[in-house]
Amino acid sequence: MAVVESKLKTGSLKLGTAPGTEFGCQETNVRITPEHNESGDPTETLCGDVLTAATTVTWTLNGTAIQDWDAPGGVSIVQYSWAHDGETVPFTWKPNAGATTFTGNVTIRALELGGDVNTRITTDFAWPLAGKPTTVWGTSGVAATGATAGVPGTWTPSGATPPTSVANLIAGTPNAVVASPTTAWTTGQYVQTGTAGAPGQAHWDGTAWVTAPALLADDQASDDEPDDDGPGAGETTTYSTR
């Protein structure tokens, strides 16, 4: 078997109720760490059988983030951690552009703020997870052939690799992706391509793949278009005479 190397790059880390807030651009290090804890001692019975010590597993979301407390618009992981200190919120972590995804619930703890003057400041975090995260493992070499609407939606077959960008999804590269349903997706529904964040989101408008999540405006486009060809149904035109 040839060596396989996985890297953290072009990934995503979202916190909060779906669709969540994206903080993937702040992390320089993200890890999910299981810790196995044994309690008690092995116990031997009369017949010679031995019961092993009890083992429990705790899971932690660890990482390092670039401090950003004065981020424009207030979208700051430091601010988020202070506002939600002690709260348990949903999280979604994609390590790279592949299909591997980890989801679950994490308890937020306020991040350290400050450090050396006039230098890039980072802070480490270790946030407890509410049990083992749910995992979708990527399947190398299997390109997605379908996409099911959701917030976000899912690629099919399960574990398939999505198109690397919206442009490739629209172009059918490496292959055409069939939308489910084939009717226009509803407000907020989208799929995430291999490009992280908003630039990598797309939805099906009933006839083609379109950049960004579905918007209510999609259903009202005909109402918003200028009436170059004259009045539409229910409209009147007033003419002045001299």
Protein backbone atom coordinates (compact mmCIF):
# COMPACT_ATOMS: atom_id res chain seq x y z
CA MET A 1 0.00 0.00 0.00
CA ALA A 2 1.36 3.43 -0.96
CA VAL A 3 1.88 6.06 1.71
CA VAL A 4 -1.08 8.39 2.30
CA GLU A 5 -0.50 11.85 3.75
CA SER A 6 -3.32 14.04 5.04
CA LYS A 7 -2.78 17.74 5.70
CA LEU A 8 -4.74 20.52 7.38
CA LYS A 9 -5.38 23.06 4.65
CA THR A 10 -8.40 24.80 3.07
CA GLY A 11 -10.57 23.61 5.95
CA SER A 12 -13.32 25.04 8.10
CA LEU A 13 -14.23 25.43 11.78
CA LYS A 14 -17.77 26.57 12.59
CA LEU A 15 -19.24 27.25 16.01
CA GLY A 16 -22.88 27.71 16.97
CA THR A 17 -26.24 26.58 15.65
CA ALA A 18 -26.28 25.81 11.91
CA PRO A 19 -25.12 27.31 9.68
CA GLY A 20 -22.74 28.47 12.45
CA THR A 21 -20.07 31.15 12.49
CA GLU A 22 -16.93 30.45 10.48
CA PHE A 23 -13.61 30.83 12.32
CA GLY A 24 -11.42 28.69 10.07
CA CYS A 25 -9.26 31.65 9.04
CA GLN A 26 -8.05 32.26 12.62
CA GLU A 27 -6.70 28.81 13.52
CA THR A 28 -3.10 27.77 12.91
CA ASN A 29 -3.59 24.45 14.68
CA VAL A 30 -6.70 22.30 15.28
CA ARG A 31 -6.82 18.85 16.87
CA ILE A 32 -9.39 16.48 18.35
CA THR A 33 -7.73 14.61 21.20
CA PRO A 34 -9.05 11.49 22.93
CA GLU A 35 -7.71 10.83 26.43
CA HIS A 36 -8.03 7.33 27.88
CA ASN A 37 -8.29 7.15 31.65
CA GLU A 38 -8.01 3.89 33.57
CA SER A 39 -9.52 3.60 37.02
CA GLY A 40 -8.91 0.84 39.53
CA ASP A 41 -6.68 -2.22 39.15
CA PRO A 42 -7.08 -5.44 37.18
CA THR A 43 -9.04 -8.03 39.20
CA GLU A 44 -8.39 -11.77 39.12
CA THR A 45 -11.18 -14.21 39.96
CA LEU A 46 -11.00 -17.70 41.47
CA CYS A 47 -11.03 -19.44 38.08
CA GLY A 48 -8.10 -17.40 36.83
CA ASP A 49 -9.98 -14.92 34.65
CA VAL A 50 -8.78 -11.34 34.89
CA LEU A 51 -11.00 -8.28 34.62
CA THR A 52 -9.11 -5.32 33.22
CA ALA A 53 -9.24 -1.90 34.83
CA ALA A 54 -12.20 0.26 33.81
CA THR A 55 -11.37 2.75 31.06
CA THR A 56 -13.17 5.98 30.21
CA VAL A 57 -12.46 8.27 27.26
CA THR A 58 -12.76 12.04 27.23
CA TRP A 59 -12.60 14.09 24.03
CA THR A 60 -11.21 17.60 23.58
CA LEU A 61 -11.13 20.14 20.74
CA ASN A 62 -7.64 21.65 20.94
CA GLY A 63 -6.05 24.35 18.85
CA THR A 64 -4.17 27.60 18.45
CA ALA A 65 -5.87 30.77 17.20
CA ILE A 66 -4.57 34.13 16.07
CA GLN A 67 -6.04 36.73 18.42
CA ASP A 68 -8.60 38.95 16.70
CA TRP A 69 -10.51 40.83 19.41
CA ASP A 70 -10.85 43.98 17.26
CA ALA A 71 -12.01 42.19 14.10
CA PRO A 72 -14.19 44.34 11.79
CA GLY A 73 -17.88 43.61 12.26
CA GLY A 74 -17.24 41.87 15.55
CA VAL A 75 -16.76 38.42 13.95
CA SER A 76 -13.98 37.46 16.35
CA ILE A 77 -13.19 34.10 17.91
CA VAL A 78 -11.92 35.89 21.02
CA GLN A 79 -15.17 37.87 21.32
CA TYR A 80 -17.19 34.70 20.64
CA SER A 81 -15.35 32.80 23.36
CA TRP A 82 -15.97 35.56 25.90
CA ALA A 83 -19.64 35.93 24.96
CA HIS A 84 -20.27 32.17 25.16
CA ASP A 85 -17.89 31.26 27.99
CA GLY A 86 -19.15 28.08 29.66
CA GLU A 87 -21.83 27.42 27.03
CA THR A 88 -22.08 24.17 25.06
CA VAL A 89 -22.62 24.84 21.36
CA PRO A 90 -22.57 22.78 18.14
CA PHE A 91 -19.36 22.65 16.12
CA THR A 92 -18.32 21.44 12.68
CA TRP A 93 -14.70 20.89 11.73
CA LYS A 94 -13.41 20.04 8.26
CA PRO A 95 -9.62 19.53 8.34
CA ASN A 96 -9.22 20.11 4.59
CA ALA A 97 -11.08 20.21 1.27
CA GLY A 98 -11.88 16.50 1.45
CA ALA A 99 -15.12 15.01 2.74
CA THR A 100 -13.86 14.16 6.25
CA THR A 101 -15.99 16.10 8.74
CA PHE A 102 -16.32 16.10 12.54
CA THR A 103 -19.47 17.36 14.26
CA GLY A 104 -20.71 17.43 17.84
CA ASN A 105 -21.06 19.75 20.80
CA VAL A 106 -18.23 21.65 22.46
CA THR A 107 -18.06 23.65 25.68
CA ILE A 108 -16.59 27.08 25.00
CA ARG A 109 -14.04 28.57 27.39
CA ALA A 110 -12.93 32.20 27.18
CA LEU A 111 -9.65 32.62 25.30
CA GLU A 112 -6.62 34.42 26.67
CA LEU A 113 -6.33 37.98 25.35
CA GLY A 114 -3.10 39.93 24.95
CA GLY A 115 0.62 39.14 24.81
CA ASP A 116 3.87 40.60 23.48
CA VAL A 117 3.80 44.14 22.10
CA ASN A 118 3.79 44.71 18.32
CA THR A 119 3.89 41.05 17.34
CA ARG A 120 1.46 38.44 16.10
CA ILE A 121 -0.34 37.05 19.13
CA THR A 122 -1.79 33.55 19.33
CA THR A 123 -3.64 31.77 22.09
CA ASP A 124 -4.15 28.07 22.73
CA PHE A 125 -7.48 26.50 23.60
CA ALA A 126 -8.65 23.14 24.97
CA TRP A 127 -12.44 22.88 24.85
CA PRO A 128 -14.20 19.76 26.19
CA LEU A 129 -16.41 17.83 23.78
CA ALA A 130 -19.70 16.23 24.80
CA GLY A 131 -18.55 12.72 23.97
CA LYS A 132 -17.02 11.26 20.83
CA PRO A 133 -17.73 13.48 17.80
CA THR A 134 -19.74 12.20 14.85
CA THR A 135 -17.41 11.56 11.95
CA VAL A 136 -17.81 11.28 8.18
CA TRP A 137 -14.61 9.87 6.76
CA GLY A 138 -13.54 10.97 3.30
CA THR A 139 -13.15 8.37 0.57
CA SER A 140 -10.08 9.10 -1.50
CA GLY A 141 -10.61 8.95 -5.24
CA VAL A 142 -14.45 8.92 -5.14
CA ALA A 143 -15.85 12.13 -6.60
CA ALA A 144 -19.35 13.29 -5.62
CA THR A 145 -22.09 12.53 -8.15
CA GLY A 146 -25.00 14.00 -6.19
CA ALA A 147 -25.83 16.70 -3.65
CA THR A 148 -28.76 16.80 -1.24
CA ALA A 149 -30.16 20.13 -0.04
CA GLY A 150 -29.52 21.14 3.57
CA VAL A 151 -27.87 23.73 5.82
CA PRO A 152 -25.37 22.67 4.80
CA GLY A 153 -26.35 19.91 2.37
CA THR A 154 -24.53 16.62 1.86
CA TRP A 155 -22.64 15.06 -1.01
CA THR A 156 -23.38 11.59 -2.33
CA PRO A 157 -22.27 8.87 -2.23
CA SER A 158 -21.47 9.18 1.48
CA GLY A 159 -17.85 10.21 2.03
CA ALA A 160 -17.34 11.32 -1.58
CA THR A 161 -15.03 14.22 -2.36
CA PRO A 162 -16.90 17.38 -3.43
CA PRO A 163 -15.87 19.55 -6.40
CA THR A 164 -12.95 21.76 -5.42
CA SER A 165 -14.82 24.99 -6.22
CA VAL A 166 -18.21 26.37 -7.26
CA ALA A 167 -16.78 26.98 -10.74
CA ASN A 168 -15.92 23.28 -11.06
CA LEU A 169 -19.36 22.30 -9.72
CA ILE A 170 -21.02 24.46 -12.38
CA ALA A 171 -18.68 23.11 -15.07
CA GLY A 172 -19.27 19.49 -14.06
CA THR A 173 -15.63 18.90 -13.16
CA PRO A 174 -14.59 16.15 -12.50
CA ASN A 175 -18.16 14.98 -13.22
CA ALA A 176 -21.71 16.30 -13.26
CA VAL A 177 -23.44 16.52 -9.85
CA VAL A 178 -27.19 15.80 -9.69
CA ALA A 179 -29.19 17.93 -7.23
CA SER A 180 -31.73 16.49 -4.82
CA PRO A 181 -34.41 17.72 -4.99
CA THR A 182 -34.28 18.81 -8.61
CA THR A 183 -36.67 21.66 -7.88
CA ALA A 184 -35.32 25.00 -6.59
CA TRP A 185 -33.79 24.70 -3.13
CA THR A 186 -35.39 26.72 -0.36
CA THR A 187 -34.03 29.73 1.50
CA GLY A 188 -30.64 29.15 3.17
CA GLN A 189 -29.96 25.70 1.67
CA TYR A 190 -26.56 25.08 0.10
CA VAL A 191 -23.66 22.67 -0.30
CA GLN A 192 -20.04 23.44 0.55
CA THR A 193 -17.49 22.70 -2.16
CA GLY A 194 -13.81 22.19 -1.46
CA THR A 195 -13.34 25.95 -1.19
CA ALA A 196 -13.80 27.07 2.44
CA GLY A 197 -16.31 29.67 3.55
CA ALA A 198 -18.86 31.65 1.56
CA PRO A 199 -16.88 31.54 -1.74
CA GLY A 200 -17.29 27.75 -1.75
CA GLN A 201 -21.07 27.64 -1.21
CA ALA A 202 -23.60 26.91 -3.95
CA HIS A 203 -27.24 25.92 -4.39
CA TRP A 204 -29.52 24.51 -7.09
CA ASP A 205 -32.01 27.04 -8.50
CA GLY A 206 -34.12 24.47 -10.33
CA THR A 207 -32.14 24.53 -13.57
CA ALA A 208 -28.48 25.08 -12.67
CA TRP A 209 -25.92 25.38 -9.90
CA VAL A 210 -25.60 28.94 -8.59
CA THR A 211 -23.09 30.58 -6.25
CA ALA A 212 -24.13 31.19 -2.59
CA PRO A 213 -26.99 29.73 -0.50
CA ALA A 214 -30.52 29.86 -1.87
CA LEU A 215 -32.20 33.18 -1.14
CA LEU A 216 -35.81 34.23 -0.97
CA ALA A 217 -34.98 36.55 -3.85
CA ASP A 218 -34.66 33.50 -6.11
CA ASP A 219 -38.41 32.97 -5.83
CA GLN A 220 -39.12 36.63 -6.47
CA ALA A 221 -36.66 37.34 -9.26
CA SER A 222 -39.38 37.87 -11.81
CA ASP A 223 -41.03 40.45 -9.56
CA ASP A 224 -37.77 42.35 -9.10
CA GLU A 225 -36.80 42.55 -12.76
CA PRO A 226 -37.40 45.87 -14.52
CA ASP A 227 -40.46 45.90 -16.74
CA ASP A 228 -38.73 46.76 -20.01
CA ASP A 229 -41.42 45.02 -22.04
CA GLY A 230 -44.35 46.92 -20.56
CA PRO A 231 -46.59 46.35 -17.54
CA GLY A 232 -47.00 42.90 -16.07
CA ALA A 233 -50.10 41.27 -14.66
CA GLY A 234 -51.92 43.53 -12.25
CA GLU A 235 -49.95 46.61 -13.36
CA THR A 236 -51.35 49.68 -15.08
CA THR A 237 -49.76 52.41 -17.11
CA THR A 238 -50.95 56.02 -17.03
CA TYR A 239 -50.61 58.15 -20.17
CA SER A 240 -50.83 61.91 -20.17
CA THR A 241 -52.66 63.76 -22.95
CA ARG A 242 -52.57 67.35 -24.03
